[in-house]
Amino acid sequence: MLLAIMLVAAFFRFYQLDRVPPGLQHDEIFKAKGALRILDGTLLVFSEPNAGELPLFMYLVALSFQLLGKNLLAIRLAAVICGLAGILACWLLARKLFGRWVGLLSAAFLAVSFWHVFDSRVGLEPITVPLMATLSFYFLWLGLYEDGYRFFVLAGLCLGLSVYTYQSGILVPIAAFFFVLYLLVVDREPVRKHLKGLALLSVIALLVFAPLGHYILTHPQTSLSRVSQLSHHLGLLLSGNPQPVLEDGLKVAGMFSWQGDPEWRYNVAGRPVFDWITAMAFYAGLLI
């Protein structure tokens, strides 16, 4: 059944990959230029062009260039592989948490999810976030409940790498931190039993993050320029005008089942994340 799901997922992601979406958009070109710099010997910790970008996906594109040559398919193949690997990671985590059938159903939904399919077909870095997040949580769970320092090592490596994926990747280690705090309230024994493993995880994650952290400290204007471009409404909130942030929040809440991104480059304009049947399952899951 998993093989059938992966074959469907591969078809949705490989079919006419050189034609859909049509052409290269400018963000994909910036990823390709970063990959070319890596192939020329540059050790990228942070890419300054295009208002600043994180480099993990560029390294994957560089590897793809080595295998397939410098072309459109090579740029997008990196995203396809991340998407397919993310489905496998989702299956592993959901099966471990909730059992075999939930694992298969989760993988099946992700295989045909429009947003996951779309982000798997463009040479952009957001598709790396769910992959690294799912792997991080999977290895953290194995470390806490099935023992073994190797799982904490892998979780620390994935958590550290997650901050190199995309701007929102910083939320992955933050989510893991709050999950451990949550366990201290509801299930303290795994945390108490694995304090050394969690310390090892933290050290490895910090070591992986250290080069980027040093860059941010020494280049604050460059590294935070993209964030500053999007922080205008937060500035209005701090100055006493909460309306723009509230409107943003309502739009984000509504994108799951009401109205999605209107930008044609990233969506079928206005299409929500879930159809109404899947949305009912989504809201039921939140309620439970």
C-alpha atoms as a PDB file:
ATOM      1  CA  MET A   1       0.000   0.000   0.000  1.00  0.00           C
ATOM      2  CA  LEU A   2       2.851   2.379   0.791  1.00  0.00           C
ATOM      3  CA  LEU A   3       4.468   1.555  -2.557  1.00  0.00           C
ATOM      4  CA  ALA A   4       1.198   2.369  -4.345  1.00  0.00           C
ATOM      5  CA  ILE A   5       0.959   5.682  -2.485  1.00  0.00           C
ATOM      6  CA  MET A   6       4.554   6.580  -3.373  1.00  0.00           C
ATOM      7  CA  LEU A   7       3.965   5.723  -7.050  1.00  0.00           C
ATOM      8  CA  VAL A   8       0.935   8.037  -7.120  1.00  0.00           C
ATOM      9  CA  ALA A   9       2.946  10.741  -5.354  1.00  0.00           C
ATOM     10  CA  ALA A  10       5.801  10.365  -7.836  1.00  0.00           C
ATOM     11  CA  PHE A  11       3.425  10.641 -10.800  1.00  0.00           C
ATOM     12  CA  PHE A  12       1.891  13.850  -9.423  1.00  0.00           C
ATOM     13  CA  ARG A  13       5.355  15.324  -8.951  1.00  0.00           C
ATOM     14  CA  PHE A  14       7.218  14.124 -12.055  1.00  0.00           C
ATOM     15  CA  TYR A  15       4.536  14.345 -14.755  1.00  0.00           C
ATOM     16  CA  GLN A  16       5.433  17.177 -17.189  1.00  0.00           C
ATOM     17  CA  LEU A  17       7.798  18.640 -14.621  1.00  0.00           C
ATOM     18  CA  ASP A  18       9.554  20.632 -17.338  1.00  0.00           C
ATOM     19  CA  ARG A  19       6.283  22.301 -18.392  1.00  0.00           C
ATOM     20  CA  VAL A  20       4.182  22.774 -15.268  1.00  0.00           C
ATOM     21  CA  PRO A  21       4.527  25.353 -13.805  1.00  0.00           C
ATOM     22  CA  PRO A  22       5.685  26.966 -17.082  1.00  0.00           C
ATOM     23  CA  GLY A  23       9.128  28.538 -17.236  1.00  0.00           C
ATOM     24  CA  LEU A  24      11.439  29.642 -14.442  1.00  0.00           C
ATOM     25  CA  GLN A  25      10.345  32.301 -11.987  1.00  0.00           C
ATOM     26  CA  HIS A  26      12.913  34.700 -10.557  1.00  0.00           C
ATOM     27  CA  ASP A  27      13.128  32.977  -7.151  1.00  0.00           C
ATOM     28  CA  GLU A  28      14.093  29.691  -8.827  1.00  0.00           C
ATOM     29  CA  ILE A  29      16.863  31.513 -10.689  1.00  0.00           C
ATOM     30  CA  PHE A  30      18.262  32.847  -7.414  1.00  0.00           C
ATOM     31  CA  LYS A  31      18.384  29.271  -6.077  1.00  0.00           C
ATOM     32  CA  ALA A  32      20.246  28.168  -9.195  1.00  0.00           C
ATOM     33  CA  LYS A  33      22.740  31.039  -8.895  1.00  0.00           C
ATOM     34  CA  GLY A  34      23.382  30.106  -5.260  1.00  0.00           C
ATOM     35  CA  ALA A  35      23.965  26.480  -6.295  1.00  0.00           C
ATOM     36  CA  LEU A  36      26.463  27.623  -8.935  1.00  0.00           C
ATOM     37  CA  ARG A  37      28.358  29.585  -6.294  1.00  0.00           C
ATOM     38  CA  ILE A  38      28.532  26.455  -4.147  1.00  0.00           C
ATOM     39  CA  LEU A  39      29.871  24.452  -7.099  1.00  0.00           C
ATOM     40  CA  ASP A  40      32.495  27.170  -7.604  1.00  0.00           C
ATOM     41  CA  GLY A  41      33.748  26.500  -4.073  1.00  0.00           C
ATOM     42  CA  THR A  42      31.851  29.050  -1.972  1.00  0.00           C
ATOM     43  CA  LEU A  43      30.828  27.793   1.475  1.00  0.00           C
ATOM     44  CA  LEU A  44      27.389  29.374   1.794  1.00  0.00           C
ATOM     45  CA  VAL A  45      26.012  29.908   5.286  1.00  0.00           C
ATOM     46  CA  PHE A  46      23.580  32.589   4.133  1.00  0.00           C
ATOM     47  CA  SER A  47      22.835  33.866   0.621  1.00  0.00           C
ATOM     48  CA  GLU A  48      22.571  37.663   0.520  1.00  0.00           C
ATOM     49  CA  PRO A  49      20.895  38.231  -2.908  1.00  0.00           C
ATOM     50  CA  ASN A  50      17.083  38.340  -3.197  1.00  0.00           C
ATOM     51  CA  ALA A  51      16.711  40.021   0.225  1.00  0.00           C
ATOM     52  CA  GLY A  52      18.580  37.168   1.907  1.00  0.00           C
ATOM     53  CA  GLU A  53      17.909  33.424   1.726  1.00  0.00           C
ATOM     54  CA  LEU A  54      18.879  30.328   3.674  1.00  0.00           C
ATOM     55  CA  PRO A  55      21.098  27.888   1.771  1.00  0.00           C
ATOM     56  CA  LEU A  56      20.118  24.264   2.454  1.00  0.00           C
ATOM     57  CA  PHE A  57      18.023  23.959  -0.707  1.00  0.00           C
ATOM     58  CA  MET A  58      20.824  25.539  -2.747  1.00  0.00           C
ATOM     59  CA  TYR A  59      23.159  22.735  -1.652  1.00  0.00           C
ATOM     60  CA  LEU A  60      20.578  20.198  -2.838  1.00  0.00           C
ATOM     61  CA  VAL A  61      20.293  21.985  -6.193  1.00  0.00           C
ATOM     62  CA  ALA A  62      24.110  21.972  -6.460  1.00  0.00           C
ATOM     63  CA  LEU A  63      24.075  18.193  -5.958  1.00  0.00           C
ATOM     64  CA  SER A  64      21.340  17.892  -8.572  1.00  0.00           C
ATOM     65  CA  PHE A  65      23.408  19.975 -11.007  1.00  0.00           C
ATOM     66  CA  GLN A  66      26.295  17.563 -10.489  1.00  0.00           C
ATOM     67  CA  LEU A  67      24.082  14.611 -11.364  1.00  0.00           C
ATOM     68  CA  LEU A  68      21.926  16.019 -14.183  1.00  0.00           C
ATOM     69  CA  GLY A  69      23.735  19.093 -15.465  1.00  0.00           C
ATOM     70  CA  LYS A  70      22.693  22.735 -15.173  1.00  0.00           C
ATOM     71  CA  ASN A  71      19.088  22.771 -16.387  1.00  0.00           C
ATOM     72  CA  LEU A  72      15.497  23.411 -15.305  1.00  0.00           C
ATOM     73  CA  LEU A  73      14.771  19.789 -14.428  1.00  0.00           C
ATOM     74  CA  ALA A  74      17.808  19.633 -12.151  1.00  0.00           C
ATOM     75  CA  ILE A  75      16.571  22.686 -10.209  1.00  0.00           C
ATOM     76  CA  ARG A  76      13.132  21.199  -9.690  1.00  0.00           C
ATOM     77  CA  LEU A  77      14.338  17.653  -9.073  1.00  0.00           C
ATOM     78  CA  ALA A  78      15.741  18.774  -5.722  1.00  0.00           C
ATOM     79  CA  ALA A  79      12.240  19.859  -4.678  1.00  0.00           C
ATOM     80  CA  VAL A  80      10.664  16.638  -5.988  1.00  0.00           C
ATOM     81  CA  ILE A  81      13.049  14.488  -3.930  1.00  0.00           C
ATOM     82  CA  CYS A  82      12.381  16.585  -0.807  1.00  0.00           C
ATOM     83  CA  GLY A  83       8.653  16.183  -1.385  1.00  0.00           C
ATOM     84  CA  LEU A  84       8.819  12.403  -1.793  1.00  0.00           C
ATOM     85  CA  ALA A  85      11.157  12.048   1.190  1.00  0.00           C
ATOM     86  CA  GLY A  86       8.739  14.193   3.200  1.00  0.00           C
ATOM     87  CA  ILE A  87       5.877  11.778   2.457  1.00  0.00           C
ATOM     88  CA  LEU A  88       7.970   8.849   3.697  1.00  0.00           C
ATOM     89  CA  ALA A  89       8.902  10.825   6.817  1.00  0.00           C
ATOM     90  CA  CYS A  90       5.228  11.657   7.387  1.00  0.00           C
ATOM     91  CA  TRP A  91       4.342   7.956   7.109  1.00  0.00           C
ATOM     92  CA  LEU A  92       7.055   7.023   9.614  1.00  0.00           C
ATOM     93  CA  LEU A  93       6.010   9.629  12.171  1.00  0.00           C
ATOM     94  CA  ALA A  94       2.241   9.138  11.864  1.00  0.00           C
ATOM     95  CA  ARG A  95       2.619   5.345  12.036  1.00  0.00           C
ATOM     96  CA  LYS A  96       4.798   5.620  15.131  1.00  0.00           C
ATOM     97  CA  LEU A  97       2.405   8.023  16.870  1.00  0.00           C
ATOM     98  CA  PHE A  98      -0.983   6.663  15.847  1.00  0.00           C
ATOM     99  CA  GLY A  99      -0.584   3.284  14.170  1.00  0.00           C
ATOM    100  CA  ARG A 100      -0.352   1.699  10.725  1.00  0.00           C
ATOM    101  CA  TRP A 101      -3.605   2.961   9.187  1.00  0.00           C
ATOM    102  CA  VAL A 102      -3.149   6.555  10.273  1.00  0.00           C
ATOM    103  CA  GLY A 103       0.368   6.422   8.843  1.00  0.00           C
ATOM    104  CA  LEU A 104      -0.893   5.205   5.466  1.00  0.00           C
ATOM    105  CA  LEU A 105      -3.803   7.660   5.392  1.00  0.00           C
ATOM    106  CA  SER A 106      -1.515  10.571   6.277  1.00  0.00           C
ATOM    107  CA  ALA A 107       0.914   9.644   3.502  1.00  0.00           C
ATOM    108  CA  ALA A 108      -1.962   9.223   1.035  1.00  0.00           C
ATOM    109  CA  PHE A 109      -3.399  12.657   1.797  1.00  0.00           C
ATOM    110  CA  LEU A 110       0.018  14.275   1.518  1.00  0.00           C
ATOM    111  CA  ALA A 111       0.694  12.489  -1.778  1.00  0.00           C
ATOM    112  CA  VAL A 112      -2.194  14.321  -3.457  1.00  0.00           C
ATOM    113  CA  SER A 113      -2.312  17.503  -1.369  1.00  0.00           C
ATOM    114  CA  PHE A 114      -2.319  20.386  -3.846  1.00  0.00           C
ATOM    115  CA  TRP A 115      -0.007  22.578  -1.783  1.00  0.00           C
ATOM    116  CA  HIS A 116       2.495  19.775  -1.166  1.00  0.00           C
ATOM    117  CA  VAL A 117       2.387  18.759  -4.834  1.00  0.00           C
ATOM    118  CA  PHE A 118       2.862  22.358  -5.967  1.00  0.00           C
ATOM    119  CA  ASP A 119       5.801  23.033  -3.632  1.00  0.00           C
ATOM    120  CA  SER A 120       7.341  19.747  -4.774  1.00  0.00           C
ATOM    121  CA  ARG A 121       7.267  20.915  -8.410  1.00  0.00           C
ATOM    122  CA  VAL A 122       8.988  24.319  -8.119  1.00  0.00           C
ATOM    123  CA  GLY A 123      12.667  24.902  -7.392  1.00  0.00           C
ATOM    124  CA  LEU A 124      12.033  26.734  -4.119  1.00  0.00           C
ATOM    125  CA  GLU A 125      13.016  25.996  -0.531  1.00  0.00           C
ATOM    126  CA  PRO A 126       9.689  25.867   1.430  1.00  0.00           C
ATOM    127  CA  ILE A 127       9.332  22.124   0.671  1.00  0.00           C
ATOM    128  CA  THR A 128      12.398  21.481   2.852  1.00  0.00           C
ATOM    129  CA  VAL A 129      10.586  22.725   5.982  1.00  0.00           C
ATOM    130  CA  PRO A 130       8.009  19.905   6.382  1.00  0.00           C
ATOM    131  CA  LEU A 131      10.713  17.345   5.564  1.00  0.00           C
ATOM    132  CA  MET A 132      13.139  18.536   8.248  1.00  0.00           C
ATOM    133  CA  ALA A 133      10.341  19.191  10.754  1.00  0.00           C
ATOM    134  CA  THR A 134       8.909  15.682  10.392  1.00  0.00           C
ATOM    135  CA  LEU A 135      12.327  14.025  10.622  1.00  0.00           C
ATOM    136  CA  SER A 136      13.183  16.126  13.690  1.00  0.00           C
ATOM    137  CA  PHE A 137      10.009  15.127  15.523  1.00  0.00           C
ATOM    138  CA  TYR A 138      10.314  11.485  14.466  1.00  0.00           C
ATOM    139  CA  PHE A 139      13.844  11.092  15.823  1.00  0.00           C
ATOM    140  CA  LEU A 140      12.986  13.066  18.969  1.00  0.00           C
ATOM    141  CA  TRP A 141      10.084  10.703  19.645  1.00  0.00           C
ATOM    142  CA  LEU A 142      12.265   7.637  19.087  1.00  0.00           C
ATOM    143  CA  GLY A 143      14.882   9.026  21.453  1.00  0.00           C
ATOM    144  CA  LEU A 144      12.349   9.705  24.197  1.00  0.00           C
ATOM    145  CA  TYR A 145      10.346   6.499  23.931  1.00  0.00           C
ATOM    146  CA  GLU A 146      12.627   3.877  22.373  1.00  0.00           C
ATOM    147  CA  ASP A 147      15.997   4.889  23.872  1.00  0.00           C
ATOM    148  CA  GLY A 148      19.288   5.197  22.040  1.00  0.00           C
ATOM    149  CA  TYR A 149      21.616   8.191  21.864  1.00  0.00           C
ATOM    150  CA  ARG A 150      21.761   7.824  18.085  1.00  0.00           C
ATOM    151  CA  PHE A 151      18.177   9.097  17.840  1.00  0.00           C
ATOM    152  CA  PHE A 152      19.021  12.203  19.852  1.00  0.00           C
ATOM    153  CA  VAL A 153      22.045  12.782  17.618  1.00  0.00           C
ATOM    154  CA  LEU A 154      19.866  12.547  14.497  1.00  0.00           C
ATOM    155  CA  ALA A 155      17.180  14.749  16.046  1.00  0.00           C
ATOM    156  CA  GLY A 156      19.767  17.380  16.971  1.00  0.00           C
ATOM    157  CA  LEU A 157      21.213  17.304  13.461  1.00  0.00           C
ATOM    158  CA  CYS A 158      17.767  17.700  11.861  1.00  0.00           C
ATOM    159  CA  LEU A 159      16.720  20.452  14.288  1.00  0.00           C
ATOM    160  CA  GLY A 160      19.927  22.340  13.559  1.00  0.00           C
ATOM    161  CA  LEU A 161      19.522  21.959   9.805  1.00  0.00           C
ATOM    162  CA  SER A 162      15.880  23.053   9.945  1.00  0.00           C
ATOM    163  CA  VAL A 163      16.933  26.674  10.526  1.00  0.00           C
ATOM    164  CA  TYR A 164      18.807  26.565   7.193  1.00  0.00           C
ATOM    165  CA  THR A 165      15.628  25.641   5.258  1.00  0.00           C
ATOM    166  CA  TYR A 166      13.454  28.762   5.163  1.00  0.00           C
ATOM    167  CA  GLN A 167      12.636  31.698   7.448  1.00  0.00           C
ATOM    168  CA  SER A 168       9.842  29.731   9.133  1.00  0.00           C
ATOM    169  CA  GLY A 169      12.279  26.872   9.837  1.00  0.00           C
ATOM    170  CA  ILE A 170      13.235  28.516  13.144  1.00  0.00           C
ATOM    171  CA  LEU A 171       9.809  27.431  14.427  1.00  0.00           C
ATOM    172  CA  VAL A 172      10.816  23.744  14.193  1.00  0.00           C
ATOM    173  CA  PRO A 173      13.283  23.754  17.145  1.00  0.00           C
ATOM    174  CA  ILE A 174      10.940  26.116  19.012  1.00  0.00           C
ATOM    175  CA  ALA A 175       8.094  23.606  18.573  1.00  0.00           C
ATOM    176  CA  ALA A 176      10.357  20.772  19.779  1.00  0.00           C
ATOM    177  CA  PHE A 177      11.334  22.820  22.854  1.00  0.00           C
ATOM    178  CA  PHE A 178       7.694  23.479  23.786  1.00  0.00           C
ATOM    179  CA  PHE A 179       6.858  19.804  23.225  1.00  0.00           C
ATOM    180  CA  VAL A 180       9.486  18.810  25.791  1.00  0.00           C
ATOM    181  CA  LEU A 181       8.021  21.392  28.212  1.00  0.00           C
ATOM    182  CA  TYR A 182       4.586  19.885  27.547  1.00  0.00           C
ATOM    183  CA  LEU A 183       5.915  16.423  28.409  1.00  0.00           C
ATOM    184  CA  LEU A 184       7.220  17.757  31.723  1.00  0.00           C
ATOM    185  CA  VAL A 185       3.567  18.399  32.613  1.00  0.00           C
ATOM    186  CA  VAL A 186       1.789  15.352  31.191  1.00  0.00           C
ATOM    187  CA  ASP A 187       4.452  12.607  30.935  1.00  0.00           C
ATOM    188  CA  ARG A 188       7.574  13.538  32.885  1.00  0.00           C
ATOM    189  CA  GLU A 189       9.267  10.137  32.962  1.00  0.00           C
ATOM    190  CA  PRO A 190      10.726  10.095  29.388  1.00  0.00           C
ATOM    191  CA  VAL A 191      12.235  13.563  29.924  1.00  0.00           C
ATOM    192  CA  ARG A 192      13.652  12.684  33.340  1.00  0.00           C
ATOM    193  CA  LYS A 193      15.060   9.428  31.975  1.00  0.00           C
ATOM    194  CA  HIS A 194      16.722  11.050  28.954  1.00  0.00           C
ATOM    195  CA  LEU A 195      18.171  14.301  30.274  1.00  0.00           C
ATOM    196  CA  LYS A 196      21.613  13.380  28.900  1.00  0.00           C
ATOM    197  CA  GLY A 197      20.131  12.560  25.495  1.00  0.00           C
ATOM    198  CA  LEU A 198      18.245  15.852  25.388  1.00  0.00           C
ATOM    199  CA  ALA A 199      21.417  17.692  26.403  1.00  0.00           C
ATOM    200  CA  LEU A 200      23.286  15.930  23.575  1.00  0.00           C
ATOM    201  CA  LEU A 201      20.511  16.889  21.154  1.00  0.00           C
ATOM    202  CA  SER A 202      20.725  20.534  22.248  1.00  0.00           C
ATOM    203  CA  VAL A 203      24.511  20.677  21.878  1.00  0.00           C
ATOM    204  CA  ILE A 204      24.421  19.182  18.373  1.00  0.00           C
ATOM    205  CA  ALA A 205      21.584  21.468  17.262  1.00  0.00           C
ATOM    206  CA  LEU A 206      23.461  24.526  18.568  1.00  0.00           C
ATOM    207  CA  LEU A 207      26.701  23.447  16.894  1.00  0.00           C
ATOM    208  CA  VAL A 208      24.910  23.044  13.555  1.00  0.00           C
ATOM    209  CA  PHE A 209      23.220  26.416  14.026  1.00  0.00           C
ATOM    210  CA  ALA A 210      26.418  28.163  15.159  1.00  0.00           C
ATOM    211  CA  PRO A 211      27.708  29.268  11.700  1.00  0.00           C
ATOM    212  CA  LEU A 212      24.344  30.826  10.835  1.00  0.00           C
ATOM    213  CA  GLY A 213      24.047  32.311  14.307  1.00  0.00           C
ATOM    214  CA  HIS A 214      27.473  33.929  13.950  1.00  0.00           C
ATOM    215  CA  TYR A 215      26.478  35.315  10.555  1.00  0.00           C
ATOM    216  CA  ILE A 216      23.254  36.800  11.967  1.00  0.00           C
ATOM    217  CA  LEU A 217      25.151  38.460  14.825  1.00  0.00           C
ATOM    218  CA  THR A 218      27.792  39.918  12.510  1.00  0.00           C
ATOM    219  CA  HIS A 219      25.422  40.841   9.628  1.00  0.00           C
ATOM    220  CA  PRO A 220      22.130  41.788  11.325  1.00  0.00           C
ATOM    221  CA  GLN A 221      20.883  44.123   8.577  1.00  0.00           C
ATOM    222  CA  THR A 222      21.573  41.631   5.786  1.00  0.00           C
ATOM    223  CA  SER A 223      20.316  38.517   7.565  1.00  0.00           C
ATOM    224  CA  LEU A 224      17.100  40.122   8.803  1.00  0.00           C
ATOM    225  CA  SER A 225      16.263  42.199   5.725  1.00  0.00           C
ATOM    226  CA  ARG A 226      13.571  39.792   4.489  1.00  0.00           C
ATOM    227  CA  VAL A 227      11.965  39.702   7.927  1.00  0.00           C
ATOM    228  CA  SER A 228      12.001  43.496   8.145  1.00  0.00           C
ATOM    229  CA  GLN A 229      10.203  43.706   4.781  1.00  0.00           C
ATOM    230  CA  LEU A 230       7.313  41.722   6.254  1.00  0.00           C
ATOM    231  CA  SER A 231       7.179  43.307   9.724  1.00  0.00           C
ATOM    232  CA  HIS A 232       5.308  46.531   8.906  1.00  0.00           C
ATOM    233  CA  HIS A 233       2.054  45.320  10.457  1.00  0.00           C
ATOM    234  CA  LEU A 234       3.889  44.202  13.604  1.00  0.00           C
ATOM    235  CA  GLY A 235       5.285  47.711  13.845  1.00  0.00           C
ATOM    236  CA  LEU A 236       1.747  49.096  13.647  1.00  0.00           C
ATOM    237  CA  LEU A 237       0.708  46.676  16.406  1.00  0.00           C
ATOM    238  CA  LEU A 238       3.500  47.879  18.672  1.00  0.00           C
ATOM    239  CA  SER A 239       2.489  51.483  17.977  1.00  0.00           C
ATOM    240  CA  GLY A 240      -1.063  50.762  19.137  1.00  0.00           C
ATOM    241  CA  ASN A 241      -2.888  49.784  15.919  1.00  0.00           C
ATOM    242  CA  PRO A 242      -3.808  46.067  16.092  1.00  0.00           C
ATOM    243  CA  GLN A 243      -6.239  46.060  13.130  1.00  0.00           C
ATOM    244  CA  PRO A 244      -3.774  45.033  10.354  1.00  0.00           C
ATOM    245  CA  VAL A 245      -2.422  42.116  12.426  1.00  0.00           C
ATOM    246  CA  LEU A 246      -5.951  40.992  13.294  1.00  0.00           C
ATOM    247  CA  GLU A 247      -6.907  41.108   9.618  1.00  0.00           C
ATOM    248  CA  ASP A 248      -3.785  39.110   8.739  1.00  0.00           C
ATOM    249  CA  GLY A 249      -4.652  36.540  11.390  1.00  0.00           C
ATOM    250  CA  LEU A 250      -8.184  36.113  10.043  1.00  0.00           C
ATOM    251  CA  LYS A 251      -6.845  35.654   6.501  1.00  0.00           C
ATOM    252  CA  VAL A 252      -4.362  33.003   7.668  1.00  0.00           C
ATOM    253  CA  ALA A 253      -7.069  31.207   9.662  1.00  0.00           C
ATOM    254  CA  GLY A 254      -9.377  31.322   6.643  1.00  0.00           C
ATOM    255  CA  MET A 255      -6.814  29.973   4.174  1.00  0.00           C
ATOM    256  CA  PHE A 256      -7.359  26.395   5.393  1.00  0.00           C
ATOM    257  CA  SER A 257     -10.971  26.111   4.255  1.00  0.00           C
ATOM    258  CA  TRP A 258     -12.284  29.469   3.063  1.00  0.00           C
ATOM    259  CA  GLN A 259      -9.935  31.412   0.780  1.00  0.00           C
ATOM    260  CA  GLY A 260      -6.292  30.714   0.019  1.00  0.00           C
ATOM    261  CA  ASP A 261      -3.398  32.655  -1.447  1.00  0.00           C
ATOM    262  CA  PRO A 262      -4.628  34.887  -4.333  1.00  0.00           C
ATOM    263  CA  GLU A 263      -1.183  34.867  -5.992  1.00  0.00           C
ATOM    264  CA  TRP A 264      -1.240  32.750  -9.158  1.00  0.00           C
ATOM    265  CA  ARG A 265       2.488  32.040  -8.906  1.00  0.00           C
ATOM    266  CA  TYR A 266       1.950  30.016  -5.736  1.00  0.00           C
ATOM    267  CA  ASN A 267      -1.595  28.700  -5.928  1.00  0.00           C
ATOM    268  CA  VAL A 268      -4.690  28.274  -8.020  1.00  0.00           C
ATOM    269  CA  ALA A 269      -5.682  31.800  -7.025  1.00  0.00           C
ATOM    270  CA  GLY A 270      -7.890  31.787  -3.948  1.00  0.00           C
ATOM    271  CA  ARG A 271      -7.900  28.005  -3.552  1.00  0.00           C
ATOM    272  CA  PRO A 272      -7.928  27.044   0.171  1.00  0.00           C
ATOM    273  CA  VAL A 273      -5.564  24.422   1.549  1.00  0.00           C
ATOM    274  CA  PHE A 274      -8.338  21.846   2.136  1.00  0.00           C
ATOM    275  CA  ASP A 275     -11.538  20.915   0.320  1.00  0.00           C
ATOM    276  CA  TRP A 276     -14.555  20.975   2.639  1.00  0.00           C
ATOM    277  CA  ILE A 277     -14.423  17.236   3.434  1.00  0.00           C
ATOM    278  CA  THR A 278     -10.745  17.343   4.390  1.00  0.00           C
ATOM    279  CA  ALA A 279     -11.346  20.621   6.240  1.00  0.00           C
ATOM    280  CA  MET A 280     -13.889  18.884   8.478  1.00  0.00           C
ATOM    281  CA  ALA A 281     -11.261  16.276   9.388  1.00  0.00           C
ATOM    282  CA  PHE A 282      -8.720  19.094   9.986  1.00  0.00           C
ATOM    283  CA  TYR A 283     -11.001  21.014  12.386  1.00  0.00           C
ATOM    284  CA  ALA A 284     -12.071  17.797  14.121  1.00  0.00           C
ATOM    285  CA  GLY A 285      -8.396  16.986  14.686  1.00  0.00           C
ATOM    286  CA  LEU A 286      -7.791  20.434  16.198  1.00  0.00           C
ATOM    287  CA  LEU A 287     -10.830  20.028  18.460  1.00  0.00           C
ATOM    288  CA  ILE A 288      -9.753  16.581  19.643  1.00  0.00           C
END
